[in-house]
Amino acid sequence: METKERKGFVQESFEDRLRNDRVPMLSIRSLRLAIGITIDELRTRIFEMTGHQYGRGTISAVELGHRGASVELLGHLERAYGLEAGSLETAYPPKRQKAAAPGVGKQEAGAA
């Protein structure tokens, strides 16, 4: 196995990772930049394919690791990038959407 030492880290070659059935990790930001689209173009793709609209800040925060991605967002990103379902994984447990408590988000009758 070919390794390189760098500042105390041992780094395997890409070929060794493939041989060991480990897929190299790539950030969703790196993926977006590699295919040459902007956040706004990604947002448009997601909307056109799923009907769901995400804010620019949401996508940016997920890409930069400031917030986690929901299972739903991961699925929408897979569709927008043309990946198979389940292709994107996180280094943390993805957030699941919680059901709102009864009455939460509903406007009270007569409230302005």
PDB file of N, CA and C in Angstrom:
ATOM      1  N   MET A   1       0.850  -1.182   0.000  1.00  0.00           N
ATOM      2  CA  MET A   1       0.000   0.000   0.000  1.00  0.00           C
ATOM      3  C   MET A   1       0.891   1.238   0.000  1.00  0.00           C
ATOM      4  N   GLU A   2       0.666   2.092  -0.936  1.00  0.00           N
ATOM      5  CA  GLU A   2       1.445   3.314  -1.050  1.00  0.00           C
ATOM      6  C   GLU A   2       0.839   4.386  -0.147  1.00  0.00           C
ATOM      7  N   THR A   3       1.668   4.980   0.700  1.00  0.00           N
ATOM      8  CA  THR A   3       1.174   6.047   1.575  1.00  0.00           C
ATOM      9  C   THR A   3       2.112   7.235   1.493  1.00  0.00           C
ATOM     10  N   LYS A   4       1.584   8.370   1.844  1.00  0.00           N
ATOM     11  CA  LYS A   4       2.370   9.593   1.911  1.00  0.00           C
ATOM     12  C   LYS A   4       2.158  10.189   3.290  1.00  0.00           C
ATOM     13  N   GLU A   5       3.229  10.661   3.899  1.00  0.00           N
ATOM     14  CA  GLU A   5       3.076  11.327   5.187  1.00  0.00           C
ATOM     15  C   GLU A   5       3.053  12.819   4.953  1.00  0.00           C
ATOM     16  N   ARG A   6       2.118  13.466   5.634  1.00  0.00           N
ATOM     17  CA  ARG A   6       1.987  14.906   5.487  1.00  0.00           C
ATOM     18  C   ARG A   6       1.540  15.469   6.821  1.00  0.00           C
ATOM     19  N   LYS A   7       2.404  16.216   7.468  1.00  0.00           N
ATOM     20  CA  LYS A   7       2.080  16.862   8.736  1.00  0.00           C
ATOM     21  C   LYS A   7       1.431  15.890   9.724  1.00  0.00           C
ATOM     22  N   GLY A   8       2.025  14.719   9.869  1.00  0.00           N
ATOM     23  CA  GLY A   8       1.522  13.765  10.848  1.00  0.00           C
ATOM     24  C   GLY A   8       0.377  12.890  10.369  1.00  0.00           C
ATOM     25  N   PHE A   9      -0.099  13.090   9.148  1.00  0.00           N
ATOM     26  CA  PHE A   9      -1.192  12.286   8.609  1.00  0.00           C
ATOM     27  C   PHE A   9      -0.628  11.297   7.595  1.00  0.00           C
ATOM     28  N   VAL A  10      -1.162  10.123   7.595  1.00  0.00           N
ATOM     29  CA  VAL A  10      -0.804   9.142   6.576  1.00  0.00           C
ATOM     30  C   VAL A  10      -1.928   9.152   5.560  1.00  0.00           C
ATOM     31  N   GLN A  11      -1.575   9.335   4.311  1.00  0.00           N
ATOM     32  CA  GLN A  11      -2.580   9.471   3.262  1.00  0.00           C
ATOM     33  C   GLN A  11      -2.404   8.353   2.238  1.00  0.00           C
ATOM     34  N   GLU A  12      -3.466   7.572   2.024  1.00  0.00           N
ATOM     35  CA  GLU A  12      -3.428   6.506   1.033  1.00  0.00           C
ATOM     36  C   GLU A  12      -3.612   7.096  -0.363  1.00  0.00           C
ATOM     37  N   SER A  13      -3.090   6.389  -1.342  1.00  0.00           N
ATOM     38  CA  SER A  13      -3.304   6.822  -2.717  1.00  0.00           C
ATOM     39  C   SER A  13      -4.740   6.519  -3.125  1.00  0.00           C
ATOM     40  N   PHE A  14      -5.213   7.182  -4.157  1.00  0.00           N
ATOM     41  CA  PHE A  14      -6.570   6.971  -4.669  1.00  0.00           C
ATOM     42  C   PHE A  14      -6.766   5.510  -5.069  1.00  0.00           C
ATOM     43  N   GLU A  15      -5.762   4.928  -5.721  1.00  0.00           N
ATOM     44  CA  GLU A  15      -5.852   3.532  -6.156  1.00  0.00           C
ATOM     45  C   GLU A  15      -6.023   2.597  -4.963  1.00  0.00           C
ATOM     46  N   ASP A  16      -5.307   2.865  -3.861  1.00  0.00           N
ATOM     47  CA  ASP A  16      -5.441   2.041  -2.661  1.00  0.00           C
ATOM     48  C   ASP A  16      -6.838   2.149  -2.072  1.00  0.00           C
ATOM     49  N   ARG A  17      -7.410   3.329  -2.091  1.00  0.00           N
ATOM     50  CA  ARG A  17      -8.770   3.501  -1.570  1.00  0.00           C
ATOM     51  C   ARG A  17      -9.763   2.689  -2.394  1.00  0.00           C
ATOM     52  N   LEU A  18      -9.609   2.723  -3.711  1.00  0.00           N
ATOM     53  CA  LEU A  18     -10.507   1.951  -4.570  1.00  0.00           C
ATOM     54  C   LEU A  18     -10.315   0.452  -4.357  1.00  0.00           C
ATOM     55  N   ARG A  19      -9.064   0.043  -4.211  1.00  0.00           N
ATOM     56  CA  ARG A  19      -8.763  -1.364  -3.986  1.00  0.00           C
ATOM     57  C   ARG A  19      -9.384  -1.842  -2.675  1.00  0.00           C
ATOM     58  N   ASN A  20      -9.442  -0.976  -1.701  1.00  0.00           N
ATOM     59  CA  ASN A  20     -10.009  -1.307  -0.391  1.00  0.00           C
ATOM     60  C   ASN A  20     -11.507  -1.039  -0.337  1.00  0.00           C
ATOM     61  N   ASP A  21     -12.124  -0.822  -1.502  1.00  0.00           N
ATOM     62  CA  ASP A  21     -13.573  -0.571  -1.605  1.00  0.00           C
ATOM     63  C   ASP A  21     -14.027   0.634  -0.793  1.00  0.00           C
ATOM     64  N   ARG A  22     -13.176   1.588  -0.628  1.00  0.00           N
ATOM     65  CA  ARG A  22     -13.568   2.820   0.054  1.00  0.00           C
ATOM     66  C   ARG A  22     -13.610   3.932  -0.975  1.00  0.00           C
ATOM     67  N   VAL A  23     -14.730   4.560  -1.081  1.00  0.00           N
ATOM     68  CA  VAL A  23     -14.901   5.638  -2.043  1.00  0.00           C
ATOM     69  C   VAL A  23     -14.382   6.928  -1.419  1.00  0.00           C
ATOM     70  N   PRO A  24     -13.570   7.682  -2.146  1.00  0.00           N
ATOM     71  CA  PRO A  24     -13.092   8.958  -1.601  1.00  0.00           C
ATOM     72  C   PRO A  24     -14.261   9.904  -1.344  1.00  0.00           C
ATOM     73  N   MET A  25     -14.143  10.696  -0.289  1.00  0.00           N
ATOM     74  CA  MET A  25     -15.199  11.654   0.033  1.00  0.00           C
ATOM     75  C   MET A  25     -14.972  12.934  -0.747  1.00  0.00           C
ATOM     76  N   LEU A  26     -16.071  13.532  -1.170  1.00  0.00           N
ATOM     77  CA  LEU A  26     -16.044  14.783  -1.910  1.00  0.00           C
ATOM     78  C   LEU A  26     -17.155  15.648  -1.345  1.00  0.00           C
ATOM     79  N   SER A  27     -16.853  16.879  -1.027  1.00  0.00           N
ATOM     80  CA  SER A  27     -17.892  17.752  -0.479  1.00  0.00           C
ATOM     81  C   SER A  27     -18.898  18.114  -1.569  1.00  0.00           C
ATOM     82  N   ILE A  28     -20.125  18.438  -1.146  1.00  0.00           N
ATOM     83  CA  ILE A  28     -21.127  18.813  -2.150  1.00  0.00           C
ATOM     84  C   ILE A  28     -20.744  20.124  -2.826  1.00  0.00           C
ATOM     85  N   ARG A  29     -20.014  20.971  -2.134  1.00  0.00           N
ATOM     86  CA  ARG A  29     -19.532  22.211  -2.756  1.00  0.00           C
ATOM     87  C   ARG A  29     -18.523  21.870  -3.855  1.00  0.00           C
ATOM     88  N   SER A  30     -17.594  20.956  -3.546  1.00  0.00           N
ATOM     89  CA  SER A  30     -16.604  20.541  -4.548  1.00  0.00           C
ATOM     90  C   SER A  30     -17.284  19.913  -5.755  1.00  0.00           C
ATOM     91  N   LEU A  31     -18.325  19.132  -5.511  1.00  0.00           N
ATOM     92  CA  LEU A  31     -19.081  18.519  -6.601  1.00  0.00           C
ATOM     93  C   LEU A  31     -19.721  19.594  -7.477  1.00  0.00           C
ATOM     94  N   ARG A  32     -20.344  20.586  -6.832  1.00  0.00           N
ATOM     95  CA  ARG A  32     -20.990  21.669  -7.585  1.00  0.00           C
ATOM     96  C   ARG A  32     -19.963  22.434  -8.418  1.00  0.00           C
ATOM     97  N   LEU A  33     -18.831  22.756  -7.802  1.00  0.00           N
ATOM     98  CA  LEU A  33     -17.799  23.505  -8.518  1.00  0.00           C
ATOM     99  C   LEU A  33     -17.190  22.676  -9.649  1.00  0.00           C
ATOM    100  N   ALA A  34     -17.060  21.369  -9.434  1.00  0.00           N
ATOM    101  CA  ALA A  34     -16.481  20.494 -10.465  1.00  0.00           C
ATOM    102  C   ALA A  34     -17.349  20.440 -11.717  1.00  0.00           C
ATOM    103  N   ILE A  35     -18.672  20.508 -11.533  1.00  0.00           N
ATOM    104  CA  ILE A  35     -19.528  20.490 -12.728  1.00  0.00           C
ATOM    105  C   ILE A  35     -19.781  21.893 -13.262  1.00  0.00           C
ATOM    106  N   GLY A  36     -19.291  22.903 -12.537  1.00  0.00           N
ATOM    107  CA  GLY A  36     -19.300  24.266 -13.055  1.00  0.00           C
ATOM    108  C   GLY A  36     -20.616  25.004 -12.976  1.00  0.00           C
ATOM    109  N   ILE A  37     -21.361  24.811 -11.877  1.00  0.00           N
ATOM    110  CA  ILE A  37     -22.608  25.567 -11.726  1.00  0.00           C
ATOM    111  C   ILE A  37     -22.557  26.403 -10.453  1.00  0.00           C
ATOM    112  N   THR A  38     -23.340  27.462 -10.446  1.00  0.00           N
ATOM    113  CA  THR A  38     -23.428  28.339  -9.285  1.00  0.00           C
ATOM    114  C   THR A  38     -24.481  27.801  -8.317  1.00  0.00           C
ATOM    115  N   ILE A  39     -24.512  28.362  -7.128  1.00  0.00           N
ATOM    116  CA  ILE A  39     -25.550  27.989  -6.157  1.00  0.00           C
ATOM    117  C   ILE A  39     -26.924  28.280  -6.742  1.00  0.00           C
ATOM    118  N   ASP A  40     -27.070  29.410  -7.403  1.00  0.00           N
ATOM    119  CA  ASP A  40     -28.374  29.750  -7.983  1.00  0.00           C
ATOM    120  C   ASP A  40     -28.781  28.762  -9.077  1.00  0.00           C
ATOM    121  N   GLU A  41     -27.826  28.305  -9.871  1.00  0.00           N
ATOM    122  CA  GLU A  41     -28.141  27.296 -10.891  1.00  0.00           C
ATOM    123  C   GLU A  41     -28.529  25.970 -10.238  1.00  0.00           C
ATOM    124  N   LEU A  42     -27.869  25.624  -9.142  1.00  0.00           N
ATOM    125  CA  LEU A  42     -28.230  24.417  -8.399  1.00  0.00           C
ATOM    126  C   LEU A  42     -29.639  24.546  -7.833  1.00  0.00           C
ATOM    127  N   ARG A  43     -29.948  25.699  -7.256  1.00  0.00           N
ATOM    128  CA  ARG A  43     -31.287  25.943  -6.710  1.00  0.00           C
ATOM    129  C   ARG A  43     -32.348  25.795  -7.802  1.00  0.00           C
ATOM    130  N   THR A  44     -32.064  26.322  -8.989  1.00  0.00           N
ATOM    131  CA  THR A  44     -33.000  26.215 -10.113  1.00  0.00           C
ATOM    132  C   THR A  44     -33.197  24.758 -10.509  1.00  0.00           C
ATOM    133  N   ARG A  45     -32.107  24.002 -10.585  1.00  0.00           N
ATOM    134  CA  ARG A  45     -32.210  22.572 -10.918  1.00  0.00           C
ATOM    135  C   ARG A  45     -33.094  21.844  -9.900  1.00  0.00           C
ATOM    136  N   ILE A  46     -32.839  22.102  -8.620  1.00  0.00           N
ATOM    137  CA  ILE A  46     -33.622  21.438  -7.570  1.00  0.00           C
ATOM    138  C   ILE A  46     -35.091  21.785  -7.727  1.00  0.00           C
ATOM    139  N   PHE A  47     -35.387  23.067  -7.940  1.00  0.00           N
ATOM    140  CA  PHE A  47     -36.783  23.492  -8.071  1.00  0.00           C
ATOM    141  C   PHE A  47     -37.445  22.849  -9.291  1.00  0.00           C
ATOM    142  N   GLU A  48     -36.743  22.848 -10.418  1.00  0.00           N
ATOM    143  CA  GLU A  48     -37.314  22.273 -11.644  1.00  0.00           C
ATOM    144  C   GLU A  48     -37.549  20.770 -11.525  1.00  0.00           C
ATOM    145  N   MET A  49     -36.703  20.082 -10.781  1.00  0.00           N
ATOM    146  CA  MET A  49     -36.809  18.622 -10.678  1.00  0.00           C
ATOM    147  C   MET A  49     -37.709  18.157  -9.537  1.00  0.00           C
ATOM    148  N   THR A  50     -37.835  18.987  -8.496  1.00  0.00           N
ATOM    149  CA  THR A  50     -38.569  18.524  -7.310  1.00  0.00           C
ATOM    150  C   THR A  50     -39.727  19.426  -6.915  1.00  0.00           C
ATOM    151  N   GLY A  51     -39.712  20.670  -7.407  1.00  0.00           N
ATOM    152  CA  GLY A  51     -40.724  21.631  -6.987  1.00  0.00           C
ATOM    153  C   GLY A  51     -40.438  22.238  -5.627  1.00  0.00           C
ATOM    154  N   HIS A  52     -39.307  21.859  -5.027  1.00  0.00           N
ATOM    155  CA  HIS A  52     -38.946  22.392  -3.712  1.00  0.00           C
ATOM    156  C   HIS A  52     -37.937  23.516  -3.898  1.00  0.00           C
ATOM    157  N   GLN A  53     -38.128  24.592  -3.144  1.00  0.00           N
ATOM    158  CA  GLN A  53     -37.253  25.751  -3.277  1.00  0.00           C
ATOM    159  C   GLN A  53     -36.448  25.942  -1.997  1.00  0.00           C
ATOM    160  N   TYR A  54     -35.128  25.981  -2.135  1.00  0.00           N
ATOM    161  CA  TYR A  54     -34.232  26.229  -1.007  1.00  0.00           C
ATOM    162  C   TYR A  54     -33.623  27.609  -1.170  1.00  0.00           C
ATOM    163  N   GLY A  55     -33.381  28.275  -0.067  1.00  0.00           N
ATOM    164  CA  GLY A  55     -32.735  29.574  -0.096  1.00  0.00           C
ATOM    165  C   GLY A  55     -31.254  29.433  -0.414  1.00  0.00           C
ATOM    166  N   ARG A  56     -30.711  30.479  -0.994  1.00  0.00           N
ATOM    167  CA  ARG A  56     -29.282  30.496  -1.315  1.00  0.00           C
ATOM    168  C   ARG A  56     -28.449  30.276  -0.057  1.00  0.00           C
ATOM    169  N   GLY A  57     -28.871  30.916   1.044  1.00  0.00           N
ATOM    170  CA  GLY A  57     -28.158  30.787   2.316  1.00  0.00           C
ATOM    171  C   GLY A  57     -28.192  29.376   2.867  1.00  0.00           C
ATOM    172  N   THR A  58     -29.298  28.677   2.644  1.00  0.00           N
ATOM    173  CA  THR A  58     -29.413  27.295   3.117  1.00  0.00           C
ATOM    174  C   THR A  58     -28.395  26.411   2.415  1.00  0.00           C
ATOM    175  N   ILE A  59     -28.348  26.503   1.089  1.00  0.00           N
ATOM    176  CA  ILE A  59     -27.402  25.693   0.317  1.00  0.00           C
ATOM    177  C   ILE A  59     -25.972  26.045   0.720  1.00  0.00           C
ATOM    178  N   SER A  60     -25.682  27.328   0.831  1.00  0.00           N
ATOM    179  CA  SER A  60     -24.345  27.772   1.201  1.00  0.00           C
ATOM    180  C   SER A  60     -23.955  27.261   2.585  1.00  0.00           C
ATOM    181  N   ALA A  61     -24.862  27.361   3.551  1.00  0.00           N
ATOM    182  CA  ALA A  61     -24.571  26.913   4.918  1.00  0.00           C
ATOM    183  C   ALA A  61     -24.306  25.412   4.972  1.00  0.00           C
ATOM    184  N   VAL A  62     -25.049  24.640   4.198  1.00  0.00           N
ATOM    185  CA  VAL A  62     -24.825  23.187   4.150  1.00  0.00           C
ATOM    186  C   VAL A  62     -23.477  22.903   3.497  1.00  0.00           C
ATOM    187  N   GLU A  63     -23.187  23.578   2.385  1.00  0.00           N
ATOM    188  CA  GLU A  63     -21.912  23.368   1.698  1.00  0.00           C
ATOM    189  C   GLU A  63     -20.722  23.699   2.590  1.00  0.00           C
ATOM    190  N   LEU A  64     -20.848  24.735   3.386  1.00  0.00           N
ATOM    191  CA  LEU A  64     -19.740  25.168   4.239  1.00  0.00           C
ATOM    192  C   LEU A  64     -19.695  24.426   5.569  1.00  0.00           C
ATOM    193  N   GLY A  65     -20.682  23.570   5.820  1.00  0.00           N
ATOM    194  CA  GLY A  65     -20.700  22.798   7.055  1.00  0.00           C
ATOM    195  C   GLY A  65     -21.235  23.542   8.256  1.00  0.00           C
ATOM    196  N   HIS A  66     -21.890  24.683   8.016  1.00  0.00           N
ATOM    197  CA  HIS A  66     -22.457  25.456   9.120  1.00  0.00           C
ATOM    198  C   HIS A  66     -23.779  24.885   9.599  1.00  0.00           C
ATOM    199  N   ARG A  67     -24.402  24.068   8.776  1.00  0.00           N
ATOM    200  CA  ARG A  67     -25.630  23.385   9.174  1.00  0.00           C
ATOM    201  C   ARG A  67     -25.683  22.048   8.458  1.00  0.00           C
ATOM    202  N   GLY A  68     -26.430  21.138   9.038  1.00  0.00           N
ATOM    203  CA  GLY A  68     -26.553  19.809   8.454  1.00  0.00           C
ATOM    204  C   GLY A  68     -27.612  19.779   7.367  1.00  0.00           C
ATOM    205  N   ALA A  69     -27.542  18.757   6.553  1.00  0.00           N
ATOM    206  CA  ALA A  69     -28.527  18.564   5.486  1.00  0.00           C
ATOM    207  C   ALA A  69     -29.569  17.557   5.943  1.00  0.00           C
ATOM    208  N   SER A  70     -30.807  17.822   5.611  1.00  0.00           N
ATOM    209  CA  SER A  70     -31.881  16.875   5.909  1.00  0.00           C
ATOM    210  C   SER A  70     -31.832  15.735   4.894  1.00  0.00           C
ATOM    211  N   VAL A  71     -32.499  14.641   5.218  1.00  0.00           N
ATOM    212  CA  VAL A  71     -32.609  13.523   4.277  1.00  0.00           C
ATOM    213  C   VAL A  71     -33.252  14.018   2.984  1.00  0.00           C
ATOM    214  N   GLU A  72     -34.249  14.889   3.120  1.00  0.00           N
ATOM    215  CA  GLU A  72     -34.949  15.438   1.957  1.00  0.00           C
ATOM    216  C   GLU A  72     -33.993  16.237   1.068  1.00  0.00           C
ATOM    217  N   LEU A  73     -33.194  17.118   1.671  1.00  0.00           N
ATOM    218  CA  LEU A  73     -32.249  17.921   0.886  1.00  0.00           C
ATOM    219  C   LEU A  73     -31.226  17.026   0.197  1.00  0.00           C
ATOM    220  N   LEU A  74     -30.729  16.010   0.885  1.00  0.00           N
ATOM    221  CA  LEU A  74     -29.773  15.097   0.250  1.00  0.00           C
ATOM    222  C   LEU A  74     -30.390  14.444  -0.985  1.00  0.00           C
ATOM    223  N   GLY A  75     -31.645  14.039  -0.878  1.00  0.00           N
ATOM    224  CA  GLY A  75     -32.339  13.449  -2.026  1.00  0.00           C
ATOM    225  C   GLY A  75     -32.495  14.429  -3.171  1.00  0.00           C
ATOM    226  N   HIS A  76     -32.797  15.678  -2.835  1.00  0.00           N
ATOM    227  CA  HIS A  76     -32.953  16.699  -3.873  1.00  0.00           C
ATOM    228  C   HIS A  76     -31.613  17.006  -4.542  1.00  0.00           C
ATOM    229  N   LEU A  77     -30.541  17.013  -3.764  1.00  0.00           N
ATOM    230  CA  LEU A  77     -29.215  17.235  -4.342  1.00  0.00           C
ATOM    231  C   LEU A  77     -28.837  16.085  -5.276  1.00  0.00           C
ATOM    232  N   GLU A  78     -29.142  14.863  -4.871  1.00  0.00           N
ATOM    233  CA  GLU A  78     -28.855  13.712  -5.733  1.00  0.00           C
ATOM    234  C   GLU A  78     -29.571  13.849  -7.071  1.00  0.00           C
ATOM    235  N   ARG A  79     -30.832  14.223  -7.038  1.00  0.00           N
ATOM    236  CA  ARG A  79     -31.590  14.392  -8.291  1.00  0.00           C
ATOM    237  C   ARG A  79     -30.990  15.507  -9.138  1.00  0.00           C
ATOM    238  N   ALA A  80     -30.660  16.648  -8.500  1.00  0.00           N
ATOM    239  CA  ALA A  80     -30.118  17.795  -9.235  1.00  0.00           C
ATOM    240  C   ALA A  80     -28.769  17.473  -9.877  1.00  0.00           C
ATOM    241  N   TYR A  81     -27.982  16.624  -9.222  1.00  0.00           N
ATOM    242  CA  TYR A  81     -26.673  16.240  -9.752  1.00  0.00           C
ATOM    243  C   TYR A  81     -26.741  15.007 -10.647  1.00  0.00           C
ATOM    244  N   GLY A  82     -27.926  14.404 -10.790  1.00  0.00           N
ATOM    245  CA  GLY A  82     -28.065  13.217 -11.622  1.00  0.00           C
ATOM    246  C   GLY A  82     -27.444  11.975 -11.004  1.00  0.00           C
ATOM    247  N   LEU A  83     -27.413  11.920  -9.678  1.00  0.00           N
ATOM    248  CA  LEU A  83     -26.840  10.777  -8.970  1.00  0.00           C
ATOM    249  C   LEU A  83     -27.921   9.771  -8.604  1.00  0.00           C
ATOM    250  N   GLU A  84     -27.512   8.543  -8.361  1.00  0.00           N
ATOM    251  CA  GLU A  84     -28.447   7.522  -7.903  1.00  0.00           C
ATOM    252  C   GLU A  84     -28.896   7.849  -6.481  1.00  0.00           C
ATOM    253  N   ALA A  85     -30.122   7.459  -6.156  1.00  0.00           N
ATOM    254  CA  ALA A  85     -30.628   7.653  -4.793  1.00  0.00           C
ATOM    255  C   ALA A  85     -29.701   6.935  -3.818  1.00  0.00           C
ATOM    256  N   GLY A  86     -29.377   7.617  -2.731  1.00  0.00           N
ATOM    257  CA  GLY A  86     -28.495   7.044  -1.718  1.00  0.00           C
ATOM    258  C   GLY A  86     -27.019   7.260  -1.987  1.00  0.00           C
ATOM    259  N   SER A  87     -26.689   7.999  -3.058  1.00  0.00           N
ATOM    260  CA  SER A  87     -25.287   8.247  -3.408  1.00  0.00           C
ATOM    261  C   SER A  87     -24.601   9.201  -2.438  1.00  0.00           C
ATOM    262  N   LEU A  88     -25.344  10.191  -1.953  1.00  0.00           N
ATOM    263  CA  LEU A  88     -24.756  11.169  -1.045  1.00  0.00           C
ATOM    264  C   LEU A  88     -24.888  10.680   0.389  1.00  0.00           C
ATOM    265  N   GLU A  89     -23.779  10.716   1.086  1.00  0.00           N
ATOM    266  CA  GLU A  89     -23.765  10.349   2.490  1.00  0.00           C
ATOM    267  C   GLU A  89     -23.177  11.501   3.279  1.00  0.00           C
ATOM    268  N   THR A  90     -23.483  11.526   4.558  1.00  0.00           N
ATOM    269  CA  THR A  90     -22.942  12.563   5.420  1.00  0.00           C
ATOM    270  C   THR A  90     -22.013  11.932   6.441  1.00  0.00           C
ATOM    271  N   ALA A  91     -21.171  12.752   7.022  1.00  0.00           N
ATOM    272  CA  ALA A  91     -20.283  12.295   8.084  1.00  0.00           C
ATOM    273  C   ALA A  91     -20.996  12.388   9.435  1.00  0.00           C
ATOM    274  N   TYR A  92     -22.268  12.696   9.425  1.00  0.00           N
ATOM    275  CA  TYR A  92     -23.098  12.818  10.626  1.00  0.00           C
ATOM    276  C   TYR A  92     -24.458  12.230  10.286  1.00  0.00           C
ATOM    277  N   PRO A  93     -25.253  11.882  11.285  1.00  0.00           N
ATOM    278  CA  PRO A  93     -26.604  11.391  10.964  1.00  0.00           C
ATOM    279  C   PRO A  93     -27.429  12.520  10.354  1.00  0.00           C
ATOM    280  N   PRO A  94     -28.000  12.342   9.148  1.00  0.00           N
ATOM    281  CA  PRO A  94     -28.806  13.403   8.537  1.00  0.00           C
ATOM    282  C   PRO A  94     -30.018  13.731   9.394  1.00  0.00           C
ATOM    283  N   LYS A  95     -30.401  14.995   9.371  1.00  0.00           N
ATOM    284  CA  LYS A  95     -31.570  15.427  10.134  1.00  0.00           C
ATOM    285  C   LYS A  95     -32.831  14.934   9.447  1.00  0.00           C
ATOM    286  N   ARG A  96     -33.766  14.488  10.233  1.00  0.00           N
ATOM    287  CA  ARG A  96     -35.074  14.083   9.711  1.00  0.00           C
ATOM    288  C   ARG A  96     -36.049  15.194  10.041  1.00  0.00           C
ATOM    289  N   GLN A  97     -37.011  15.408   9.166  1.00  0.00           N
ATOM    290  CA  GLN A  97     -38.007  16.440   9.426  1.00  0.00           C
ATOM    291  C   GLN A  97     -38.904  15.987  10.556  1.00  0.00           C
ATOM    292  N   LYS A  98     -39.172  16.898  11.471  1.00  0.00           N
ATOM    293  CA  LYS A  98     -40.074  16.612  12.577  1.00  0.00           C
ATOM    294  C   LYS A  98     -41.454  17.134  12.229  1.00  0.00           C
ATOM    295  N   ALA A  99     -42.446  16.402  12.643  1.00  0.00           N
ATOM    296  CA  ALA A  99     -43.820  16.868  12.435  1.00  0.00           C
ATOM    297  C   ALA A  99     -44.082  18.016  13.397  1.00  0.00           C
ATOM    298  N   ALA A 100     -44.771  19.035  12.928  1.00  0.00           N
ATOM    299  CA  ALA A 100     -45.108  20.181  13.774  1.00  0.00           C
ATOM    300  C   ALA A 100     -46.163  19.758  14.788  1.00  0.00           C
ATOM    301  N   ALA A 101     -46.093  20.351  15.953  1.00  0.00           N
ATOM    302  CA  ALA A 101     -47.103  20.095  16.977  1.00  0.00           C
ATOM    303  C   ALA A 101     -48.446  20.600  16.473  1.00  0.00           C
ATOM    304  N   PRO A 102     -49.540  19.992  16.918  1.00  0.00           N
ATOM    305  CA  PRO A 102     -50.862  20.444  16.466  1.00  0.00           C
ATOM    306  C   PRO A 102     -51.029  21.949  16.669  1.00  0.00           C
ATOM    307  N   GLY A 103     -51.466  22.618  15.620  1.00  0.00           N
ATOM    308  CA  GLY A 103     -51.718  24.057  15.704  1.00  0.00           C
ATOM    309  C   GLY A 103     -50.513  24.926  15.405  1.00  0.00           C
ATOM    310  N   VAL A 104     -49.304  24.353  15.395  1.00  0.00           N
ATOM    311  CA  VAL A 104     -48.111  25.145  15.123  1.00  0.00           C
ATOM    312  C   VAL A 104     -48.099  25.496  13.647  1.00  0.00           C
ATOM    313  N   GLY A 105     -47.876  26.757  13.351  1.00  0.00           N
ATOM    314  CA  GLY A 105     -47.821  27.219  11.977  1.00  0.00           C
ATOM    315  C   GLY A 105     -49.164  27.616  11.408  1.00  0.00           C
ATOM    316  N   LYS A 106     -50.225  27.412  12.170  1.00  0.00           N
ATOM    317  CA  LYS A 106     -51.547  27.821  11.699  1.00  0.00           C
ATOM    318  C   LYS A 106     -51.865  29.185  12.287  1.00  0.00           C
ATOM    319  N   GLN A 107     -52.462  30.009  11.472  1.00  0.00           N
ATOM    320  CA  GLN A 107     -52.818  31.343  11.931  1.00  0.00           C
ATOM    321  C   GLN A 107     -54.136  31.267  12.696  1.00  0.00           C
ATOM    322  N   GLU A 108     -54.150  31.896  13.855  1.00  0.00           N
ATOM    323  CA  GLU A 108     -55.365  31.928  14.671  1.00  0.00           C
ATOM    324  C   GLU A 108     -56.449  32.716  13.951  1.00  0.00           C
ATOM    325  N   ALA A 109     -57.670  32.285  14.111  1.00  0.00           N
ATOM    326  CA  ALA A 109     -58.805  33.004  13.513  1.00  0.00           C
ATOM    327  C   ALA A 109     -58.846  34.415  14.073  1.00  0.00           C
ATOM    328  N   GLY A 110     -58.934  35.384  13.204  1.00  0.00           N
ATOM    329  CA  GLY A 110     -59.022  36.780  13.630  1.00  0.00           C
ATOM    330  C   GLY A 110     -57.674  37.424  13.875  1.00  0.00           C
ATOM    331  N   ALA A 111     -56.583  36.642  13.837  1.00  0.00           N
ATOM    332  CA  ALA A 111     -55.258  37.224  14.052  1.00  0.00           C
ATOM    333  C   ALA A 111     -54.808  37.904  12.768  1.00  0.00           C
ATOM    334  N   ALA A 112     -54.083  38.997  12.918  1.00  0.00           N
ATOM    335  CA  ALA A 112     -53.627  39.742  11.744  1.00  0.00           C
ATOM    336  C   ALA A 112     -52.245  39.341  11.369  1.00  0.00           C
TER     337      ALA A 112
END
